[in-house]
């Protein structure tokens, strides 16, 4: 039988995830004038979105966008996955 990856874990340093989120947080969609992050954070919208919630939505196979489940784990800076 063929083997396939159905889900996986990704380990990010918390600082990296926070910086990536911050770089997207204030981007506006010209067509609506709203924040792009509102559509990228699922039920939390722009107001309640955090780096972890943003990544969780991006990796949710039920969001209609992710091809498979991705479990994002944020590590303290300097920590290694255990």
PDB file of N, CA and C in Angstrom:
ATOM      1  N   UNK A   1       0.816  -1.202   0.000  1.00  0.00           N
ATOM      2  CA  UNK A   1       0.000   0.000   0.000  1.00  0.00           C
ATOM      3  C   UNK A   1       0.847   1.249   0.000  1.00  0.00           C
ATOM      4  N   UNK A   2       0.296   2.242  -0.606  1.00  0.00           N
ATOM      5  CA  UNK A   2       0.954   3.546  -0.662  1.00  0.00           C
ATOM      6  C   UNK A   2       0.865   4.244   0.683  1.00  0.00           C
ATOM      7  N   UNK A   3       1.879   5.007   0.999  1.00  0.00           N
ATOM      8  CA  UNK A   3       1.889   5.779   2.236  1.00  0.00           C
ATOM      9  C   UNK A   3       1.738   7.254   1.906  1.00  0.00           C
ATOM     10  N   UNK A   4       1.101   7.990   2.802  1.00  0.00           N
ATOM     11  CA  UNK A   4       0.916   9.422   2.590  1.00  0.00           C
ATOM     12  C   UNK A   4       0.937  10.133   3.939  1.00  0.00           C
ATOM     13  N   UNK A   5       1.348  11.363   3.940  1.00  0.00           N
ATOM     14  CA  UNK A   5       1.303  12.193   5.134  1.00  0.00           C
ATOM     15  C   UNK A   5      -0.100  12.780   5.231  1.00  0.00           C
ATOM     16  N   UNK A   6      -0.753  12.582   6.366  1.00  0.00           N
ATOM     17  CA  UNK A   6      -2.099  13.092   6.571  1.00  0.00           C
ATOM     18  C   UNK A   6      -2.115  14.280   7.524  1.00  0.00           C
ATOM     19  N   UNK A   7      -1.119  14.346   8.382  1.00  0.00           N
ATOM     20  CA  UNK A   7      -0.978  15.476   9.285  1.00  0.00           C
ATOM     21  C   UNK A   7       0.445  15.507   9.813  1.00  0.00           C
ATOM     22  N   UNK A   8       0.847  16.673  10.297  1.00  0.00           N
ATOM     23  CA  UNK A   8       2.178  16.769  10.879  1.00  0.00           C
ATOM     24  C   UNK A   8       2.251  17.928  11.866  1.00  0.00           C
ATOM     25  N   UNK A   9       3.323  17.955  12.635  1.00  0.00           N
ATOM     26  CA  UNK A   9       3.578  19.015  13.597  1.00  0.00           C
ATOM     27  C   UNK A   9       4.694  19.908  13.079  1.00  0.00           C
ATOM     28  N   UNK A  10       4.533  21.201  13.327  1.00  0.00           N
ATOM     29  CA  UNK A  10       5.552  22.182  12.981  1.00  0.00           C
ATOM     30  C   UNK A  10       5.938  22.905  14.267  1.00  0.00           C
ATOM     31  N   UNK A  11       7.218  23.008  14.527  1.00  0.00           N
ATOM     32  CA  UNK A  11       7.701  23.700  15.714  1.00  0.00           C
ATOM     33  C   UNK A  11       8.297  25.038  15.298  1.00  0.00           C
ATOM     34  N   UNK A  12       7.731  26.110  15.824  1.00  0.00           N
ATOM     35  CA  UNK A  12       8.214  27.481  15.582  1.00  0.00           C
ATOM     36  C   UNK A  12       8.671  28.067  16.910  1.00  0.00           C
ATOM     37  N   UNK A  13       9.668  28.878  16.850  1.00  0.00           N
ATOM     38  CA  UNK A  13      10.008  29.684  18.012  1.00  0.00           C
ATOM     39  C   UNK A  13       8.884  30.714  18.178  1.00  0.00           C
ATOM     40  N   UNK A  14       8.483  30.943  19.420  1.00  0.00           N
ATOM     41  CA  UNK A  14       7.398  31.890  19.686  1.00  0.00           C
ATOM     42  C   UNK A  14       7.700  33.254  19.073  1.00  0.00           C
ATOM     43  N   UNK A  15       8.920  33.705  19.201  1.00  0.00           N
ATOM     44  CA  UNK A  15       9.296  35.028  18.664  1.00  0.00           C
ATOM     45  C   UNK A  15       9.085  35.091  17.150  1.00  0.00           C
ATOM     46  N   UNK A  16       9.451  34.037  16.448  1.00  0.00           N
ATOM     47  CA  UNK A  16       9.260  33.986  15.000  1.00  0.00           C
ATOM     48  C   UNK A  16       7.769  34.078  14.655  1.00  0.00           C
ATOM     49  N   UNK A  17       6.944  33.286  15.355  1.00  0.00           N
ATOM     50  CA  UNK A  17       5.506  33.291  15.095  1.00  0.00           C
ATOM     51  C   UNK A  17       4.897  34.659  15.394  1.00  0.00           C
ATOM     52  N   UNK A  18       5.303  35.267  16.500  1.00  0.00           N
ATOM     53  CA  UNK A  18       4.782  36.589  16.869  1.00  0.00           C
ATOM     54  C   UNK A  18       5.197  37.646  15.849  1.00  0.00           C
ATOM     55  N   UNK A  19       6.436  37.573  15.379  1.00  0.00           N
ATOM     56  CA  UNK A  19       6.909  38.536  14.379  1.00  0.00           C
ATOM     57  C   UNK A  19       6.188  38.353  13.053  1.00  0.00           C
ATOM     58  N   UNK A  20       5.977  37.108  12.639  1.00  0.00           N
ATOM     59  CA  UNK A  20       5.250  36.844  11.390  1.00  0.00           C
ATOM     60  C   UNK A  20       3.816  37.355  11.497  1.00  0.00           C
ATOM     61  N   UNK A  21       3.173  37.099  12.628  1.00  0.00           N
ATOM     62  CA  UNK A  21       1.811  37.572  12.858  1.00  0.00           C
ATOM     63  C   UNK A  21       1.763  39.097  12.841  1.00  0.00           C
ATOM     64  N   UNK A  22       2.694  39.738  13.522  1.00  0.00           N
ATOM     65  CA  UNK A  22       2.736  41.201  13.575  1.00  0.00           C
ATOM     66  C   UNK A  22       2.910  41.812  12.191  1.00  0.00           C
ATOM     67  N   UNK A  23       3.639  41.134  11.318  1.00  0.00           N
ATOM     68  CA  UNK A  23       3.859  41.666   9.972  1.00  0.00           C
ATOM     69  C   UNK A  23       2.586  41.616   9.122  1.00  0.00           C
ATOM     70  N   UNK A  24       1.624  40.800   9.514  1.00  0.00           N
ATOM     71  CA  UNK A  24       0.362  40.657   8.765  1.00  0.00           C
ATOM     72  C   UNK A  24      -0.810  41.376   9.428  1.00  0.00           C
ATOM     73  N   UNK A  25      -0.703  41.646  10.694  1.00  0.00           N
ATOM     74  CA  UNK A  25      -1.832  42.118  11.498  1.00  0.00           C
ATOM     75  C   UNK A  25      -2.519  43.363  10.943  1.00  0.00           C
ATOM     76  N   UNK A  26      -1.769  44.317  10.427  1.00  0.00           N
ATOM     77  CA  UNK A  26      -2.359  45.586   9.992  1.00  0.00           C
ATOM     78  C   UNK A  26      -2.565  45.691   8.489  1.00  0.00           C
ATOM     79  N   UNK A  27      -2.416  44.585   7.772  1.00  0.00           N
ATOM     80  CA  UNK A  27      -2.637  44.593   6.320  1.00  0.00           C
ATOM     81  C   UNK A  27      -4.136  44.668   6.050  1.00  0.00           C
ATOM     82  N   UNK A  28      -4.525  45.578   5.165  1.00  0.00           N
ATOM     83  CA  UNK A  28      -5.942  45.739   4.822  1.00  0.00           C
ATOM     84  C   UNK A  28      -6.205  45.220   3.413  1.00  0.00           C
ATOM     85  N   UNK A  29      -7.411  44.706   3.220  1.00  0.00           N
ATOM     86  CA  UNK A  29      -7.850  44.241   1.903  1.00  0.00           C
ATOM     87  C   UNK A  29      -8.457  45.429   1.163  1.00  0.00           C
ATOM     88  N   UNK A  30      -7.914  45.815   0.023  1.00  0.00           N
ATOM     89  CA  UNK A  30      -8.435  46.978  -0.699  1.00  0.00           C
ATOM     90  C   UNK A  30      -9.919  46.856  -1.064  1.00  0.00           C
ATOM     91  N   UNK A  31     -10.348  45.663  -1.398  1.00  0.00           N
ATOM     92  CA  UNK A  31     -11.742  45.470  -1.831  1.00  0.00           C
ATOM     93  C   UNK A  31     -12.742  45.743  -0.715  1.00  0.00           C
ATOM     94  N   UNK A  32     -12.355  45.458   0.534  1.00  0.00           N
ATOM     95  CA  UNK A  32     -13.302  45.603   1.649  1.00  0.00           C
ATOM     96  C   UNK A  32     -12.892  46.685   2.645  1.00  0.00           C
ATOM     97  N   UNK A  33     -11.624  47.022   2.660  1.00  0.00           N
ATOM     98  CA  UNK A  33     -11.130  47.964   3.657  1.00  0.00           C
ATOM     99  C   UNK A  33     -10.906  47.310   5.011  1.00  0.00           C
ATOM    100  N   UNK A  34     -11.300  46.043   5.143  1.00  0.00           N
ATOM    101  CA  UNK A  34     -11.116  45.319   6.395  1.00  0.00           C
ATOM    102  C   UNK A  34      -9.720  44.735   6.486  1.00  0.00           C
ATOM    103  N   UNK A  35      -9.430  44.194   7.643  1.00  0.00           N
ATOM    104  CA  UNK A  35      -8.118  43.586   7.862  1.00  0.00           C
ATOM    105  C   UNK A  35      -8.062  42.184   7.256  1.00  0.00           C
ATOM    106  N   UNK A  36      -6.971  41.895   6.580  1.00  0.00           N
ATOM    107  CA  UNK A  36      -6.778  40.571   5.983  1.00  0.00           C
ATOM    108  C   UNK A  36      -6.756  39.494   7.060  1.00  0.00           C
ATOM    109  N   UNK A  37      -6.208  39.820   8.215  1.00  0.00           N
ATOM    110  CA  UNK A  37      -6.091  38.833   9.287  1.00  0.00           C
ATOM    111  C   UNK A  37      -7.468  38.355   9.747  1.00  0.00           C
ATOM    112  N   UNK A  38      -8.504  39.159   9.551  1.00  0.00           N
ATOM    113  CA  UNK A  38      -9.858  38.766   9.946  1.00  0.00           C
ATOM    114  C   UNK A  38     -10.304  37.521   9.190  1.00  0.00           C
ATOM    115  N   UNK A  39      -9.871  37.383   7.953  1.00  0.00           N
ATOM    116  CA  UNK A  39     -10.234  36.205   7.161  1.00  0.00           C
ATOM    117  C   UNK A  39      -9.253  35.057   7.367  1.00  0.00           C
ATOM    118  N   UNK A  40      -8.142  35.343   8.024  1.00  0.00           N
ATOM    119  CA  UNK A  40      -7.097  34.346   8.214  1.00  0.00           C
ATOM    120  C   UNK A  40      -7.053  33.803   9.636  1.00  0.00           C
ATOM    121  N   UNK A  41      -8.051  34.161  10.449  1.00  0.00           N
ATOM    122  CA  UNK A  41      -8.036  33.734  11.847  1.00  0.00           C
ATOM    123  C   UNK A  41      -9.344  33.063  12.240  1.00  0.00           C
ATOM    124  N   UNK A  42     -10.161  32.723  11.267  1.00  0.00           N
ATOM    125  CA  UNK A  42     -11.387  32.001  11.551  1.00  0.00           C
ATOM    126  C   UNK A  42     -12.344  32.752  12.446  1.00  0.00           C
ATOM    127  N   UNK A  43     -12.927  32.053  13.377  1.00  0.00           N
ATOM    128  CA  UNK A  43     -13.970  32.615  14.238  1.00  0.00           C
ATOM    129  C   UNK A  43     -13.490  33.750  15.128  1.00  0.00           C
ATOM    130  N   UNK A  44     -12.192  33.898  15.309  1.00  0.00           N
ATOM    131  CA  UNK A  44     -11.670  34.938  16.187  1.00  0.00           C
ATOM    132  C   UNK A  44     -11.646  36.317  15.537  1.00  0.00           C
ATOM    133  N   UNK A  45     -11.615  36.351  14.205  1.00  0.00           N
ATOM    134  CA  UNK A  45     -11.570  37.640  13.524  1.00  0.00           C
ATOM    135  C   UNK A  45     -10.315  38.420  13.872  1.00  0.00           C
ATOM    136  N   UNK A  46     -10.274  39.666  13.458  1.00  0.00           N
ATOM    137  CA  UNK A  46      -9.089  40.498  13.666  1.00  0.00           C
ATOM    138  C   UNK A  46      -8.907  40.902  15.120  1.00  0.00           C
ATOM    139  N   UNK A  47      -9.992  41.146  15.828  1.00  0.00           N
ATOM    140  CA  UNK A  47      -9.898  41.663  17.196  1.00  0.00           C
ATOM    141  C   UNK A  47      -9.301  40.664  18.187  1.00  0.00           C
ATOM    142  N   UNK A  48      -9.664  39.403  18.067  1.00  0.00           N
ATOM    143  CA  UNK A  48      -9.238  38.394  19.044  1.00  0.00           C
ATOM    144  C   UNK A  48      -8.127  37.475  18.527  1.00  0.00           C
ATOM    145  N   UNK A  49      -7.618  37.775  17.348  1.00  0.00           N
ATOM    146  CA  UNK A  49      -6.596  36.921  16.749  1.00  0.00           C
ATOM    147  C   UNK A  49      -5.266  37.068  17.482  1.00  0.00           C
ATOM    148  N   UNK A  50      -4.573  35.957  17.643  1.00  0.00           N
ATOM    149  CA  UNK A  50      -3.217  35.918  18.198  1.00  0.00           C
ATOM    150  C   UNK A  50      -2.367  35.093  17.237  1.00  0.00           C
ATOM    151  N   UNK A  51      -1.083  35.073  17.449  1.00  0.00           N
ATOM    152  CA  UNK A  51      -0.208  34.271  16.589  1.00  0.00           C
ATOM    153  C   UNK A  51      -0.619  32.805  16.615  1.00  0.00           C
ATOM    154  N   UNK A  52      -0.900  32.265  17.800  1.00  0.00           N
ATOM    155  CA  UNK A  52      -1.288  30.855  17.890  1.00  0.00           C
ATOM    156  C   UNK A  52      -2.624  30.599  17.196  1.00  0.00           C
ATOM    157  N   UNK A  53      -3.599  31.455  17.395  1.00  0.00           N
ATOM    158  CA  UNK A  53      -4.905  31.282  16.753  1.00  0.00           C
ATOM    159  C   UNK A  53      -4.795  31.400  15.244  1.00  0.00           C
ATOM    160  N   UNK A  54      -3.962  32.310  14.782  1.00  0.00           N
ATOM    161  CA  UNK A  54      -3.742  32.492  13.347  1.00  0.00           C
ATOM    162  C   UNK A  54      -3.148  31.221  12.744  1.00  0.00           C
ATOM    163  N   UNK A  55      -2.120  30.681  13.377  1.00  0.00           N
ATOM    164  CA  UNK A  55      -1.496  29.458  12.882  1.00  0.00           C
ATOM    165  C   UNK A  55      -2.446  28.268  12.982  1.00  0.00           C
ATOM    166  N   UNK A  56      -3.195  28.189  14.080  1.00  0.00           N
ATOM    167  CA  UNK A  56      -4.149  27.087  14.228  1.00  0.00           C
ATOM    168  C   UNK A  56      -5.170  27.088  13.092  1.00  0.00           C
ATOM    169  N   UNK A  57      -5.664  28.261  12.731  1.00  0.00           N
ATOM    170  CA  UNK A  57      -6.617  28.337  11.627  1.00  0.00           C
ATOM    171  C   UNK A  57      -5.954  27.947  10.310  1.00  0.00           C
ATOM    172  N   UNK A  58      -4.730  28.413  10.087  1.00  0.00           N
ATOM    173  CA  UNK A  58      -4.018  28.087   8.852  1.00  0.00           C
ATOM    174  C   UNK A  58      -3.792  26.584   8.704  1.00  0.00           C
ATOM    175  N   UNK A  59      -3.613  25.901   9.816  1.00  0.00           N
ATOM    176  CA  UNK A  59      -3.339  24.464   9.777  1.00  0.00           C
ATOM    177  C   UNK A  59      -4.552  23.575   9.967  1.00  0.00           C
ATOM    178  N   UNK A  60      -5.745  24.159  10.035  1.00  0.00           N
ATOM    179  CA  UNK A  60      -6.967  23.378  10.250  1.00  0.00           C
ATOM    180  C   UNK A  60      -7.484  22.825   8.926  1.00  0.00           C
ATOM    181  N   UNK A  61      -7.471  21.520   8.775  1.00  0.00           N
ATOM    182  CA  UNK A  61      -7.904  20.918   7.511  1.00  0.00           C
ATOM    183  C   UNK A  61      -9.379  21.176   7.222  1.00  0.00           C
ATOM    184  N   UNK A  62     -10.123  21.634   8.200  1.00  0.00           N
ATOM    185  CA  UNK A  62     -11.541  21.922   8.010  1.00  0.00           C
ATOM    186  C   UNK A  62     -11.809  23.374   7.599  1.00  0.00           C
ATOM    187  N   UNK A  63     -10.759  24.157   7.371  1.00  0.00           N
ATOM    188  CA  UNK A  63     -10.956  25.556   7.000  1.00  0.00           C
ATOM    189  C   UNK A  63     -11.205  25.744   5.501  1.00  0.00           C
ATOM    190  N   UNK A  64     -11.138  24.671   4.738  1.00  0.00           N
ATOM    191  CA  UNK A  64     -11.340  24.769   3.297  1.00  0.00           C
ATOM    192  C   UNK A  64     -10.103  25.179   2.522  1.00  0.00           C
ATOM    193  N   UNK A  65      -9.002  25.400   3.213  1.00  0.00           N
ATOM    194  CA  UNK A  65      -7.773  25.855   2.562  1.00  0.00           C
ATOM    195  C   UNK A  65      -6.599  24.920   2.769  1.00  0.00           C
ATOM    196  N   UNK A  66      -6.441  24.406   3.984  1.00  0.00           N
ATOM    197  CA  UNK A  66      -5.298  23.544   4.296  1.00  0.00           C
ATOM    198  C   UNK A  66      -5.508  22.152   3.698  1.00  0.00           C
ATOM    199  N   UNK A  67      -4.513  21.629   3.002  1.00  0.00           N
ATOM    200  CA  UNK A  67      -4.662  20.312   2.383  1.00  0.00           C
ATOM    201  C   UNK A  67      -4.582  19.158   3.376  1.00  0.00           C
ATOM    202  N   UNK A  68      -4.030  19.421   4.572  1.00  0.00           N
ATOM    203  CA  UNK A  68      -3.931  18.418   5.615  1.00  0.00           C
ATOM    204  C   UNK A  68      -3.787  19.132   6.952  1.00  0.00           C
ATOM    205  N   UNK A  69      -3.965  18.398   8.023  1.00  0.00           N
ATOM    206  CA  UNK A  69      -3.905  18.987   9.357  1.00  0.00           C
ATOM    207  C   UNK A  69      -2.456  19.310   9.725  1.00  0.00           C
ATOM    208  N   UNK A  70      -2.236  20.545  10.173  1.00  0.00           N
ATOM    209  CA  UNK A  70      -0.911  20.980  10.608  1.00  0.00           C
ATOM    210  C   UNK A  70      -1.039  21.476  12.042  1.00  0.00           C
ATOM    211  N   UNK A  71      -0.290  20.868  12.934  1.00  0.00           N
ATOM    212  CA  UNK A  71      -0.305  21.231  14.348  1.00  0.00           C
ATOM    213  C   UNK A  71       0.902  22.119  14.618  1.00  0.00           C
ATOM    214  N   UNK A  72       0.658  23.429  14.781  1.00  0.00           N
ATOM    215  CA  UNK A  72       1.732  24.380  15.030  1.00  0.00           C
ATOM    216  C   UNK A  72       2.007  24.444  16.524  1.00  0.00           C
ATOM    217  N   UNK A  73       3.239  24.175  16.909  1.00  0.00           N
ATOM    218  CA  UNK A  73       3.667  24.239  18.306  1.00  0.00           C
ATOM    219  C   UNK A  73       4.646  25.394  18.461  1.00  0.00           C
ATOM    220  N   UNK A  74       4.326  26.321  19.343  1.00  0.00           N
ATOM    221  CA  UNK A  74       5.211  27.465  19.584  1.00  0.00           C
ATOM    222  C   UNK A  74       6.111  27.156  20.773  1.00  0.00           C
ATOM    223  N   UNK A  75       7.390  27.271  20.543  1.00  0.00           N
ATOM    224  CA  UNK A  75       8.403  26.979  21.562  1.00  0.00           C
ATOM    225  C   UNK A  75       8.976  28.268  22.126  1.00  0.00           C
ATOM    226  N   UNK A  76       9.290  28.275  23.407  1.00  0.00           N
ATOM    227  CA  UNK A  76      10.004  29.428  23.953  1.00  0.00           C
ATOM    228  C   UNK A  76      11.322  29.596  23.199  1.00  0.00           C
ATOM    229  N   UNK A  77      11.768  30.834  23.042  1.00  0.00           N
ATOM    230  CA  UNK A  77      13.016  31.070  22.343  1.00  0.00           C
ATOM    231  C   UNK A  77      14.147  30.300  23.007  1.00  0.00           C
ATOM    232  N   UNK A  78      14.943  29.623  22.223  1.00  0.00           N
ATOM    233  CA  UNK A  78      16.052  28.835  22.728  1.00  0.00           C
ATOM    234  C   UNK A  78      15.710  27.394  23.044  1.00  0.00           C
ATOM    235  N   UNK A  79      14.408  27.060  23.109  1.00  0.00           N
ATOM    236  CA  UNK A  79      13.992  25.688  23.421  1.00  0.00           C
ATOM    237  C   UNK A  79      14.034  24.837  22.157  1.00  0.00           C
ATOM    238  N   UNK A  80      14.222  23.558  22.354  1.00  0.00           N
ATOM    239  CA  UNK A  80      14.209  22.594  21.255  1.00  0.00           C
ATOM    240  C   UNK A  80      12.992  21.690  21.397  1.00  0.00           C
ATOM    241  N   UNK A  81      12.443  21.184  20.287  1.00  0.00           N
ATOM    242  CA  UNK A  81      11.312  20.245  20.400  1.00  0.00           C
ATOM    243  C   UNK A  81      11.724  19.021  21.203  1.00  0.00           C
ATOM    244  N   UNK A  82      10.814  18.533  22.025  1.00  0.00           N
ATOM    245  CA  UNK A  82      11.151  17.411  22.882  1.00  0.00           C
ATOM    246  C   UNK A  82      10.582  16.115  22.455  1.00  0.00           C
TER     247      UNK A  82
END
